[in-house]
């Protein structure tokens, strides 16, 4: 999916991803396909921030469990 918001994947959406991952018994990984970064643990604020995902970047989410 391409990130539509102007600020990309910033603190608020990252916090929401972490919260959603924590609500379920799954492992979540996120990759920034456009920049070739990741995978990052979907339960880690810091790991997701390192993806440097900006508006228009393609990101891929994978969940298992």
C-alpha atoms as a PDB file:
ATOM      1  CA  UNK A   1       0.000   0.000   0.000  1.00  0.00           C
ATOM      2  CA  UNK A   2       1.209   3.521  -0.731  1.00  0.00           C
ATOM      3  CA  UNK A   3       1.203   5.889   2.233  1.00  0.00           C
ATOM      4  CA  UNK A   4      -1.309   8.631   1.456  1.00  0.00           C
ATOM      5  CA  UNK A   5      -0.726  11.029   4.342  1.00  0.00           C
ATOM      6  CA  UNK A   6       1.569  14.027   3.951  1.00  0.00           C
ATOM      7  CA  UNK A   7       3.809  13.117   6.903  1.00  0.00           C
ATOM      8  CA  UNK A   8       4.187   9.456   5.983  1.00  0.00           C
ATOM      9  CA  UNK A   9       4.576   6.938   8.788  1.00  0.00           C
ATOM     10  CA  UNK A  10       5.105   9.241  11.767  1.00  0.00           C
ATOM     11  CA  UNK A  11       4.598   8.903  15.533  1.00  0.00           C
ATOM     12  CA  UNK A  12       0.794   8.702  15.657  1.00  0.00           C
ATOM     13  CA  UNK A  13       0.262   6.044  12.989  1.00  0.00           C
ATOM     14  CA  UNK A  14       3.265   4.124  14.299  1.00  0.00           C
ATOM     15  CA  UNK A  15       1.748   4.140  17.796  1.00  0.00           C
ATOM     16  CA  UNK A  16      -1.535   2.870  16.346  1.00  0.00           C
ATOM     17  CA  UNK A  17       0.214  -0.003  14.546  1.00  0.00           C
ATOM     18  CA  UNK A  18       2.011  -0.976  17.774  1.00  0.00           C
ATOM     19  CA  UNK A  19      -1.267  -0.826  19.732  1.00  0.00           C
ATOM     20  CA  UNK A  20      -3.101  -2.979  17.178  1.00  0.00           C
ATOM     21  CA  UNK A  21      -0.287  -5.532  17.110  1.00  0.00           C
ATOM     22  CA  UNK A  22      -0.385  -5.671  20.902  1.00  0.00           C
ATOM     23  CA  UNK A  23      -4.126  -6.385  20.938  1.00  0.00           C
ATOM     24  CA  UNK A  24      -3.725  -9.621  19.004  1.00  0.00           C
ATOM     25  CA  UNK A  25      -1.624 -12.756  19.328  1.00  0.00           C
ATOM     26  CA  UNK A  26       0.213 -12.208  16.064  1.00  0.00           C
ATOM     27  CA  UNK A  27       3.646 -11.184  14.932  1.00  0.00           C
ATOM     28  CA  UNK A  28       3.625  -8.219  12.579  1.00  0.00           C
ATOM     29  CA  UNK A  29       6.434  -7.066  10.327  1.00  0.00           C
ATOM     30  CA  UNK A  30       6.517  -4.000   8.131  1.00  0.00           C
ATOM     31  CA  UNK A  31       8.791  -3.278   5.155  1.00  0.00           C
ATOM     32  CA  UNK A  32       9.284  -0.058   3.238  1.00  0.00           C
ATOM     33  CA  UNK A  33       9.390  -1.515  -0.246  1.00  0.00           C
ATOM     34  CA  UNK A  34      10.194   1.851  -1.865  1.00  0.00           C
ATOM     35  CA  UNK A  35      13.346   2.447   0.188  1.00  0.00           C
ATOM     36  CA  UNK A  36      14.338  -1.159   0.777  1.00  0.00           C
ATOM     37  CA  UNK A  37      14.206  -0.834   4.563  1.00  0.00           C
ATOM     38  CA  UNK A  38      12.922  -3.391   7.027  1.00  0.00           C
ATOM     39  CA  UNK A  39      11.463  -5.650   7.937  1.00  0.00           C
ATOM     40  CA  UNK A  40      10.653  -3.919  11.215  1.00  0.00           C
ATOM     41  CA  UNK A  41       8.859  -5.450  14.185  1.00  0.00           C
ATOM     42  CA  UNK A  42       5.285  -4.112  14.244  1.00  0.00           C
ATOM     43  CA  UNK A  43       5.391  -4.037  18.044  1.00  0.00           C
ATOM     44  CA  UNK A  44       8.349  -1.639  18.219  1.00  0.00           C
ATOM     45  CA  UNK A  45       7.978   2.137  17.899  1.00  0.00           C
ATOM     46  CA  UNK A  46      11.690   2.537  17.299  1.00  0.00           C
ATOM     47  CA  UNK A  47      11.924  -0.196  14.686  1.00  0.00           C
ATOM     48  CA  UNK A  48       8.996   1.223  12.716  1.00  0.00           C
ATOM     49  CA  UNK A  49      10.453   4.725  12.834  1.00  0.00           C
ATOM     50  CA  UNK A  50      13.680   3.460  11.243  1.00  0.00           C
ATOM     51  CA  UNK A  51      11.750   2.550   8.092  1.00  0.00           C
ATOM     52  CA  UNK A  52      11.760   6.269   7.164  1.00  0.00           C
ATOM     53  CA  UNK A  53       8.470   5.794   5.289  1.00  0.00           C
ATOM     54  CA  UNK A  54       7.307   9.018   3.613  1.00  0.00           C
ATOM     55  CA  UNK A  55       4.236   9.999   1.647  1.00  0.00           C
ATOM     56  CA  UNK A  56       3.905   7.851  -1.463  1.00  0.00           C
ATOM     57  CA  UNK A  57       6.265   5.118  -0.229  1.00  0.00           C
ATOM     58  CA  UNK A  58       5.006   1.574  -0.719  1.00  0.00           C
ATOM     59  CA  UNK A  59       4.879  -0.352   2.558  1.00  0.00           C
ATOM     60  CA  UNK A  60       4.119  -4.036   3.045  1.00  0.00           C
ATOM     61  CA  UNK A  61       2.587  -5.487   6.196  1.00  0.00           C
ATOM     62  CA  UNK A  62       2.865  -9.164   7.123  1.00  0.00           C
ATOM     63  CA  UNK A  63       1.065 -10.782  10.053  1.00  0.00           C
ATOM     64  CA  UNK A  64       1.337 -14.357  11.257  1.00  0.00           C
ATOM     65  CA  UNK A  65      -0.190 -16.173  14.144  1.00  0.00           C
END
